[in-house]
PDB file of N, CA and C in Angstrom:
ATOM      1  N   UNK A   1      -7.427   7.048  -2.157  1.00  0.00           N
ATOM      2  CA  UNK A   1      -7.250   7.215  -0.737  1.00  0.00           C
ATOM      3  C   UNK A   1      -5.809   7.714  -0.463  1.00  0.00           C
ATOM      4  N   UNK A   2      -5.578   8.534   0.750  1.00  0.00           N
ATOM      5  CA  UNK A   2      -4.403   9.008   1.092  1.00  0.00           C
ATOM      6  C   UNK A   2      -3.935   8.596   2.390  1.00  0.00           C
ATOM      7  N   UNK A   3      -2.751   8.098   2.573  1.00  0.00           N
ATOM      8  CA  UNK A   3      -2.519   7.378   3.984  1.00  0.00           C
ATOM      9  C   UNK A   3      -1.280   8.579   4.194  1.00  0.00           C
ATOM     10  N   UNK A   4      -1.630   9.033   5.462  1.00  0.00           N
ATOM     11  CA  UNK A   4      -0.543   9.932   6.161  1.00  0.00           C
ATOM     12  C   UNK A   4       0.075   9.329   7.204  1.00  0.00           C
ATOM     13  N   UNK A   5       1.351   9.773   7.837  1.00  0.00           N
ATOM     14  CA  UNK A   5       1.979   9.437   8.982  1.00  0.00           C
ATOM     15  C   UNK A   5       2.749   7.875   8.755  1.00  0.00           C
ATOM     16  N   UNK A   6       2.872   7.345   9.656  1.00  0.00           N
ATOM     17  CA  UNK A   6       3.624   5.994   9.725  1.00  0.00           C
ATOM     18  C   UNK A   6       2.434   4.895   9.333  1.00  0.00           C
ATOM     19  N   UNK A   7       2.734   4.118   8.185  1.00  0.00           N
ATOM     20  CA  UNK A   7       2.145   2.853   7.942  1.00  0.00           C
ATOM     21  C   UNK A   7       2.758   1.565   8.913  1.00  0.00           C
ATOM     22  N   UNK A   8       2.384   1.629  10.087  1.00  0.00           N
ATOM     23  CA  UNK A   8       3.120   0.660  10.807  1.00  0.00           C
ATOM     24  C   UNK A   8       2.163  -0.212  11.490  1.00  0.00           C
ATOM     25  N   UNK A   9       2.300  -1.110  12.214  1.00  0.00           N
ATOM     26  CA  UNK A   9       1.745  -2.133  12.986  1.00  0.00           C
ATOM     27  C   UNK A   9       0.386  -1.453  13.448  1.00  0.00           C
ATOM     28  N   UNK A  10       0.844  -0.194  14.318  1.00  0.00           N
ATOM     29  CA  UNK A  10      -0.330   0.328  15.060  1.00  0.00           C
ATOM     30  C   UNK A  10      -1.360   1.138  14.054  1.00  0.00           C
ATOM     31  N   UNK A  11      -0.882   1.662  13.129  1.00  0.00           N
ATOM     32  CA  UNK A  11      -1.947   2.149  12.116  1.00  0.00           C
ATOM     33  C   UNK A  11      -2.567   1.183  11.321  1.00  0.00           C
ATOM     34  N   UNK A  12      -1.992  -0.145  10.774  1.00  0.00           N
ATOM     35  CA  UNK A  12      -2.523  -1.294  10.271  1.00  0.00           C
ATOM     36  C   UNK A  12      -3.648  -1.735  11.094  1.00  0.00           C
ATOM     37  N   UNK A  13      -3.450  -1.853  12.335  1.00  0.00           N
ATOM     38  CA  UNK A  13      -4.488  -2.460  13.234  1.00  0.00           C
ATOM     39  C   UNK A  13      -5.846  -1.676  13.212  1.00  0.00           C
ATOM     40  N   UNK A  14      -5.413  -0.161  12.954  1.00  0.00           N
ATOM     41  CA  UNK A  14      -6.458   0.598  13.082  1.00  0.00           C
ATOM     42  C   UNK A  14      -7.153   0.393  11.547  1.00  0.00           C
ATOM     43  N   UNK A  15      -6.598   0.496  10.493  1.00  0.00           N
ATOM     44  CA  UNK A  15      -6.899   0.366   9.289  1.00  0.00           C
ATOM     45  C   UNK A  15      -7.754  -0.888   8.933  1.00  0.00           C
ATOM     46  N   UNK A  16      -7.151  -1.975   9.758  1.00  0.00           N
ATOM     47  CA  UNK A  16      -7.736  -3.330   9.176  1.00  0.00           C
ATOM     48  C   UNK A  16      -9.218  -3.263   9.551  1.00  0.00           C
ATOM     49  N   UNK A  17      -9.750  -2.780  10.361  1.00  0.00           N
ATOM     50  CA  UNK A  17     -11.114  -2.395  10.873  1.00  0.00           C
ATOM     51  C   UNK A  17     -12.069  -2.313   9.350  1.00  0.00           C
ATOM     52  N   UNK A  18     -11.196  -0.998   8.818  1.00  0.00           N
ATOM     53  CA  UNK A  18     -11.885  -0.427   7.543  1.00  0.00           C
ATOM     54  C   UNK A  18     -11.385  -1.066   6.230  1.00  0.00           C
ATOM     55  N   UNK A  19     -11.086  -2.347   6.286  1.00  0.00           N
ATOM     56  CA  UNK A  19     -10.235  -2.888   4.980  1.00  0.00           C
ATOM     57  C   UNK A  19     -11.458  -3.036   4.036  1.00  0.00           C
ATOM     58  N   UNK A  20     -12.704  -3.335   4.450  1.00  0.00           N
ATOM     59  CA  UNK A  20     -13.673  -3.975   3.484  1.00  0.00           C
ATOM     60  C   UNK A  20     -13.920  -2.806   2.588  1.00  0.00           C
ATOM     61  N   UNK A  21     -13.872  -1.439   3.009  1.00  0.00           N
ATOM     62  CA  UNK A  21     -13.939  -0.244   2.319  1.00  0.00           C
ATOM     63  C   UNK A  21     -12.640   0.242   1.458  1.00  0.00           C
ATOM     64  N   UNK A  22     -11.776   0.009   2.034  1.00  0.00           N
ATOM     65  CA  UNK A  22     -10.559   0.451   1.515  1.00  0.00           C
ATOM     66  C   UNK A  22      -9.986  -0.507   0.490  1.00  0.00           C
ATOM     67  N   UNK A  23     -10.241  -1.685   0.726  1.00  0.00           N
ATOM     68  CA  UNK A  23      -9.955  -2.796  -0.206  1.00  0.00           C
ATOM     69  C   UNK A  23     -10.477  -2.615  -1.413  1.00  0.00           C
ATOM     70  N   UNK A  24     -11.917  -1.775  -1.572  1.00  0.00           N
ATOM     71  CA  UNK A  24     -12.573  -1.706  -2.718  1.00  0.00           C
ATOM     72  C   UNK A  24     -11.993  -0.486  -3.618  1.00  0.00           C
ATOM     73  N   UNK A  25     -10.929  -0.070  -3.358  1.00  0.00           N
ATOM     74  CA  UNK A  25     -10.206   1.264  -3.904  1.00  0.00           C
ATOM     75  C   UNK A  25      -9.032   0.587  -4.617  1.00  0.00           C
ATOM     76  N   UNK A  26      -8.561   1.025  -5.837  1.00  0.00           N
ATOM     77  CA  UNK A  26      -7.403   0.393  -6.350  1.00  0.00           C
ATOM     78  C   UNK A  26      -6.450   1.502  -6.325  1.00  0.00           C
ATOM     79  N   UNK A  27      -6.493   2.536  -5.785  1.00  0.00           N
ATOM     80  CA  UNK A  27      -5.312   3.558  -5.814  1.00  0.00           C
ATOM     81  C   UNK A  27      -5.087   4.145  -4.385  1.00  0.00           C
ATOM     82  N   UNK A  28      -3.742   4.294  -3.939  1.00  0.00           N
ATOM     83  CA  UNK A  28      -3.684   4.775  -2.653  1.00  0.00           C
ATOM     84  C   UNK A  28      -2.369   5.835  -2.766  1.00  0.00           C
ATOM     85  N   UNK A  29      -2.317   7.012  -2.022  1.00  0.00           N
ATOM     86  CA  UNK A  29      -1.306   7.931  -2.299  1.00  0.00           C
ATOM     87  C   UNK A  29      -0.654   7.968  -0.847  1.00  0.00           C
ATOM     88  N   UNK A  30       0.619   7.706  -1.248  1.00  0.00           N
ATOM     89  CA  UNK A  30       1.671   7.270  -0.008  1.00  0.00           C
ATOM     90  C   UNK A  30       2.649   8.767  -0.049  1.00  0.00           C
ATOM     91  N   UNK A  31       2.259   9.891  -0.822  1.00  0.00           N
ATOM     92  CA  UNK A  31       3.349  10.603  -0.811  1.00  0.00           C
ATOM     93  C   UNK A  31       3.622  11.518   0.558  1.00  0.00           C
ATOM     94  N   UNK A  32       2.859  11.553   1.424  1.00  0.00           N
ATOM     95  CA  UNK A  32       2.895  11.970   2.843  1.00  0.00           C
ATOM     96  C   UNK A  32       3.147  10.938   3.921  1.00  0.00           C
ATOM     97  N   UNK A  33       3.212   9.685   3.508  1.00  0.00           N
ATOM     98  CA  UNK A  33       3.553   8.734   4.393  1.00  0.00           C
ATOM     99  C   UNK A  33       5.110   8.977   4.889  1.00  0.00           C
ATOM    100  N   UNK A  34       5.221   9.063   6.095  1.00  0.00           N
ATOM    101  CA  UNK A  34       6.522   9.138   6.614  1.00  0.00           C
ATOM    102  C   UNK A  34       7.257   7.880   7.010  1.00  0.00           C
ATOM    103  N   UNK A  35       6.917   6.867   7.417  1.00  0.00           N
ATOM    104  CA  UNK A  35       7.339   5.561   7.347  1.00  0.00           C
ATOM    105  C   UNK A  35       6.630   4.279   7.211  1.00  0.00           C
ATOM    106  N   UNK A  36       7.143   3.486   6.676  1.00  0.00           N
ATOM    107  CA  UNK A  36       6.312   2.255   6.196  1.00  0.00           C
ATOM    108  C   UNK A  36       7.324   1.245   6.611  1.00  0.00           C
ATOM    109  N   UNK A  37       6.688   0.141   7.519  1.00  0.00           N
ATOM    110  CA  UNK A  37       7.497  -0.844   8.073  1.00  0.00           C
ATOM    111  C   UNK A  37       6.985  -2.212   7.398  1.00  0.00           C
ATOM    112  N   UNK A  38       7.300  -3.355   7.780  1.00  0.00           N
ATOM    113  CA  UNK A  38       6.823  -4.581   7.221  1.00  0.00           C
ATOM    114  C   UNK A  38       5.270  -4.952   7.440  1.00  0.00           C
ATOM    115  N   UNK A  39       4.809  -4.433   8.563  1.00  0.00           N
ATOM    116  CA  UNK A  39       3.232  -4.749   8.815  1.00  0.00           C
ATOM    117  C   UNK A  39       2.669  -3.572   7.748  1.00  0.00           C
ATOM    118  N   UNK A  40       3.242  -2.422   7.192  1.00  0.00           N
ATOM    119  CA  UNK A  40       2.596  -1.691   6.390  1.00  0.00           C
ATOM    120  C   UNK A  40       2.831  -2.261   4.958  1.00  0.00           C
ATOM    121  N   UNK A  41       4.105  -2.812   4.518  1.00  0.00           N
ATOM    122  CA  UNK A  41       4.090  -3.547   3.292  1.00  0.00           C
ATOM    123  C   UNK A  41       3.061  -4.845   3.319  1.00  0.00           C
ATOM    124  N   UNK A  42       2.945  -5.725   4.293  1.00  0.00           N
ATOM    125  CA  UNK A  42       1.911  -6.675   4.511  1.00  0.00           C
ATOM    126  C   UNK A  42       0.618  -6.157   4.146  1.00  0.00           C
ATOM    127  N   UNK A  43       0.352  -5.053   4.657  1.00  0.00           N
ATOM    128  CA  UNK A  43      -1.089  -4.607   4.346  1.00  0.00           C
ATOM    129  C   UNK A  43      -1.096  -4.236   2.914  1.00  0.00           C
ATOM    130  N   UNK A  44      -0.274  -3.587   2.366  1.00  0.00           N
ATOM    131  CA  UNK A  44      -0.444  -3.059   1.165  1.00  0.00           C
ATOM    132  C   UNK A  44      -0.645  -4.524   0.057  1.00  0.00           C
ATOM    133  N   UNK A  45       0.415  -5.451   0.382  1.00  0.00           N
ATOM    134  CA  UNK A  45       0.106  -6.770  -0.165  1.00  0.00           C
ATOM    135  C   UNK A  45      -1.298  -7.197  -0.091  1.00  0.00           C
ATOM    136  N   UNK A  46      -1.789  -7.339   1.025  1.00  0.00           N
ATOM    137  CA  UNK A  46      -3.075  -7.834   1.391  1.00  0.00           C
ATOM    138  C   UNK A  46      -4.341  -6.946   0.444  1.00  0.00           C
ATOM    139  N   UNK A  47      -3.797  -5.664   0.238  1.00  0.00           N
ATOM    140  CA  UNK A  47      -4.732  -4.867  -0.444  1.00  0.00           C
ATOM    141  C   UNK A  47      -4.696  -5.205  -1.926  1.00  0.00           C
ATOM    142  N   UNK A  48      -3.468  -5.131  -2.347  1.00  0.00           N
ATOM    143  CA  UNK A  48      -3.171  -5.706  -3.732  1.00  0.00           C
ATOM    144  C   UNK A  48      -3.872  -6.974  -4.275  1.00  0.00           C
ATOM    145  N   UNK A  49      -3.594  -8.109  -3.225  1.00  0.00           N
ATOM    146  CA  UNK A  49      -4.290  -9.222  -3.685  1.00  0.00           C
ATOM    147  C   UNK A  49      -5.729  -9.021  -3.731  1.00  0.00           C
ATOM    148  N   UNK A  50      -6.514  -8.185  -2.574  1.00  0.00           N
ATOM    149  CA  UNK A  50      -8.301  -8.039  -2.855  1.00  0.00           C
ATOM    150  C   UNK A  50      -8.277  -7.398  -4.196  1.00  0.00           C
ATOM    151  N   UNK A  51      -7.500  -6.464  -4.632  1.00  0.00           N
ATOM    152  CA  UNK A  51      -7.495  -5.764  -5.850  1.00  0.00           C
ATOM    153  C   UNK A  51      -7.518  -6.942  -7.108  1.00  0.00           C
ATOM    154  N   UNK A  52      -6.600  -7.721  -7.022  1.00  0.00           N
ATOM    155  CA  UNK A  52      -6.415  -8.762  -8.017  1.00  0.00           C
ATOM    156  C   UNK A  52      -7.799  -9.818  -8.050  1.00  0.00           C
ATOM    157  N   UNK A  53      -8.177  -9.823  -6.824  1.00  0.00           N
ATOM    158  CA  UNK A  53      -9.409 -10.636  -6.768  1.00  0.00           C
ATOM    159  C   UNK A  53     -10.665 -10.111  -7.604  1.00  0.00           C
ATOM    160  N   UNK A  54     -10.544  -8.858  -7.786  1.00  0.00           N
ATOM    161  CA  UNK A  54     -11.441  -7.975  -8.633  1.00  0.00           C
ATOM    162  C   UNK A  54     -11.026  -7.800  -9.940  1.00  0.00           C
ATOM    163  N   UNK A  55     -10.108  -8.442 -10.380  1.00  0.00           N
ATOM    164  CA  UNK A  55      -9.283  -8.061 -11.674  1.00  0.00           C
ATOM    165  C   UNK A  55      -8.841  -6.907 -11.863  1.00  0.00           C
ATOM    166  N   UNK A  56      -8.054  -6.040 -10.721  1.00  0.00           N
ATOM    167  CA  UNK A  56      -7.488  -5.213 -10.724  1.00  0.00           C
ATOM    168  C   UNK A  56      -6.106  -4.912 -10.094  1.00  0.00           C
ATOM    169  N   UNK A  57      -5.563  -3.792 -10.328  1.00  0.00           N
ATOM    170  CA  UNK A  57      -4.210  -3.699  -9.372  1.00  0.00           C
ATOM    171  C   UNK A  57      -3.947  -2.526  -8.860  1.00  0.00           C
ATOM    172  N   UNK A  58      -3.388  -2.574  -7.578  1.00  0.00           N
ATOM    173  CA  UNK A  58      -3.421  -1.451  -6.875  1.00  0.00           C
ATOM    174  C   UNK A  58      -2.113  -0.662  -7.272  1.00  0.00           C
ATOM    175  N   UNK A  59      -2.561   0.697  -7.428  1.00  0.00           N
ATOM    176  CA  UNK A  59      -1.662   1.621  -7.988  1.00  0.00           C
ATOM    177  C   UNK A  59      -1.260   2.419  -6.764  1.00  0.00           C
ATOM    178  N   UNK A  60       0.157   2.289  -6.534  1.00  0.00           N
ATOM    179  CA  UNK A  60       0.499   3.594  -5.458  1.00  0.00           C
ATOM    180  C   UNK A  60       1.203   4.608  -5.891  1.00  0.00           C
ATOM    181  N   UNK A  61       0.823   5.644  -5.798  1.00  0.00           N
ATOM    182  CA  UNK A  61       1.200   7.249  -5.912  1.00  0.00           C
ATOM    183  C   UNK A  61       2.162   7.785  -4.518  1.00  0.00           C
ATOM    184  N   UNK A  62       3.319   8.292  -4.921  1.00  0.00           N
ATOM    185  CA  UNK A  62       4.082   8.701  -4.146  1.00  0.00           C
ATOM    186  C   UNK A  62       4.710   7.733  -3.407  1.00  0.00           C
ATOM    187  N   UNK A  63       5.086   6.551  -3.940  1.00  0.00           N
ATOM    188  CA  UNK A  63       6.057   5.602  -3.059  1.00  0.00           C
ATOM    189  C   UNK A  63       7.372   6.172  -2.984  1.00  0.00           C
ATOM    190  N   UNK A  64       7.905   5.938  -1.715  1.00  0.00           N
ATOM    191  CA  UNK A  64       9.217   6.694  -1.529  1.00  0.00           C
ATOM    192  C   UNK A  64      10.315   5.464  -1.985  1.00  0.00           C
ATOM    193  N   UNK A  65      11.558   6.113  -2.224  1.00  0.00           N
ATOM    194  CA  UNK A  65      12.627   5.043  -2.852  1.00  0.00           C
ATOM    195  C   UNK A  65      12.669   3.957  -1.929  1.00  0.00           C
ATOM    196  N   UNK A  66      12.587   4.150  -0.702  1.00  0.00           N
ATOM    197  CA  UNK A  66      12.630   3.091   0.633  1.00  0.00           C
ATOM    198  C   UNK A  66      11.612   2.032   0.291  1.00  0.00           C
ATOM    199  N   UNK A  67      10.246   2.383   0.175  1.00  0.00           N
ATOM    200  CA  UNK A  67       9.373   1.700  -0.234  1.00  0.00           C
ATOM    201  C   UNK A  67       9.542   0.714  -1.472  1.00  0.00           C
ATOM    202  N   UNK A  68       9.837   1.283  -2.475  1.00  0.00           N
ATOM    203  CA  UNK A  68      10.090   0.759  -3.530  1.00  0.00           C
ATOM    204  C   UNK A  68      11.239  -0.523  -3.319  1.00  0.00           C
ATOM    205  N   UNK A  69      12.363  -0.139  -2.632  1.00  0.00           N
ATOM    206  CA  UNK A  69      13.312  -1.019  -2.449  1.00  0.00           C
ATOM    207  C   UNK A  69      12.543  -2.443  -1.467  1.00  0.00           C
ATOM    208  N   UNK A  70      11.842  -1.957  -0.242  1.00  0.00           N
ATOM    209  CA  UNK A  70      11.464  -2.861   0.343  1.00  0.00           C
ATOM    210  C   UNK A  70      10.441  -3.786  -0.428  1.00  0.00           C
ATOM    211  N   UNK A  71       9.472  -3.308  -1.309  1.00  0.00           N
ATOM    212  CA  UNK A  71       8.639  -4.178  -2.154  1.00  0.00           C
ATOM    213  C   UNK A  71       9.819  -5.083  -2.993  1.00  0.00           C
ATOM    214  N   UNK A  72      10.641  -4.648  -3.744  1.00  0.00           N
ATOM    215  CA  UNK A  72      11.695  -5.321  -4.373  1.00  0.00           C
ATOM    216  C   UNK A  72      12.233  -6.708  -3.473  1.00  0.00           C
ATOM    217  N   UNK A  73      12.882  -6.070  -2.358  1.00  0.00           N
ATOM    218  CA  UNK A  73      13.312  -7.134  -1.214  1.00  0.00           C
ATOM    219  C   UNK A  73      12.393  -8.076  -1.041  1.00  0.00           C
ATOM    220  N   UNK A  74      11.055  -7.842  -0.733  1.00  0.00           N
ATOM    221  CA  UNK A  74      10.290  -8.891  -0.329  1.00  0.00           C
ATOM    222  C   UNK A  74       9.576  -9.604  -1.452  1.00  0.00           C
ATOM    223  N   UNK A  75      10.044  -9.124  -2.891  1.00  0.00           N
ATOM    224  CA  UNK A  75       9.463  -9.966  -3.995  1.00  0.00           C
ATOM    225  C   UNK A  75       8.136  -9.810  -4.171  1.00  0.00           C
ATOM    226  N   UNK A  76       7.416  -8.643  -3.821  1.00  0.00           N
ATOM    227  CA  UNK A  76       6.048  -8.340  -4.189  1.00  0.00           C
ATOM    228  C   UNK A  76       5.867  -7.266  -4.957  1.00  0.00           C
ATOM    229  N   UNK A  77       7.161  -6.608  -5.582  1.00  0.00           N
ATOM    230  CA  UNK A  77       6.683  -5.376  -6.588  1.00  0.00           C
ATOM    231  C   UNK A  77       5.907  -5.661  -7.442  1.00  0.00           C
ATOM    232  N   UNK A  78       5.870  -6.788  -8.012  1.00  0.00           N
ATOM    233  CA  UNK A  78       5.018  -6.891  -9.319  1.00  0.00           C
ATOM    234  C   UNK A  78       3.465  -6.845  -8.915  1.00  0.00           C
ATOM    235  N   UNK A  79       3.129  -6.769  -7.525  1.00  0.00           N
ATOM    236  CA  UNK A  79       1.649  -6.738  -7.302  1.00  0.00           C
ATOM    237  C   UNK A  79       1.168  -5.327  -7.567  1.00  0.00           C
ATOM    238  N   UNK A  80       2.086  -4.361  -7.628  1.00  0.00           N
ATOM    239  CA  UNK A  80       1.690  -2.728  -7.732  1.00  0.00           C
ATOM    240  C   UNK A  80       1.857  -2.365  -9.155  1.00  0.00           C
ATOM    241  N   UNK A  81       1.255  -1.085  -9.179  1.00  0.00           N
ATOM    242  CA  UNK A  81       1.493  -0.176 -10.212  1.00  0.00           C
ATOM    243  C   UNK A  81       2.150   0.870  -9.513  1.00  0.00           C
ATOM    244  N   UNK A  82       3.293   1.146  -9.539  1.00  0.00           N
ATOM    245  CA  UNK A  82       3.704   2.318  -9.152  1.00  0.00           C
ATOM    246  C   UNK A  82       3.704   3.636  -9.809  1.00  0.00           C
ATOM    247  N   UNK A  83       2.928   4.602  -9.551  1.00  0.00           N
ATOM    248  CA  UNK A  83       2.665   5.673 -10.315  1.00  0.00           C
ATOM    249  C   UNK A  83       3.449   6.832  -9.799  1.00  0.00           C
ATOM    250  N   UNK A  84       4.292   7.659 -10.912  1.00  0.00           N
ATOM    251  CA  UNK A  84       4.857   8.990 -10.237  1.00  0.00           C
ATOM    252  C   UNK A  84       3.847   9.882  -9.912  1.00  0.00           C
ATOM    253  N   UNK A  85       4.183  10.926  -8.791  1.00  0.00           N
ATOM    254  CA  UNK A  85       2.909  11.649  -8.573  1.00  0.00           C
ATOM    255  C   UNK A  85       3.168  12.796  -9.757  1.00  0.00           C
ATOM    256  N   UNK A  86       2.054  13.555  -9.966  1.00  0.00           N
ATOM    257  CA  UNK A  86       1.688  14.520 -11.060  1.00  0.00           C
ATOM    258  C   UNK A  86       2.229  15.790 -10.423  1.00  0.00           C
TER     259      UNK A  86
END
């Protein structure tokens, strides 16, 4: 799954309706995401928790240094596999 643009409260509200489908996937590409705020991080945490319920981990490709810092700041970085883009 590739998410583009801002992963903010407005986009999370739209994506929430699709969560049953999205949360079945265990990889998300954020390489073209322009901004991710706390609502976006919360959405990714919920997604990671859904993956864990299926004994999987959510892999994030293309995470910006800012996102990596946010995940560490919130203490949730261990929920994710951060994958370097190829």
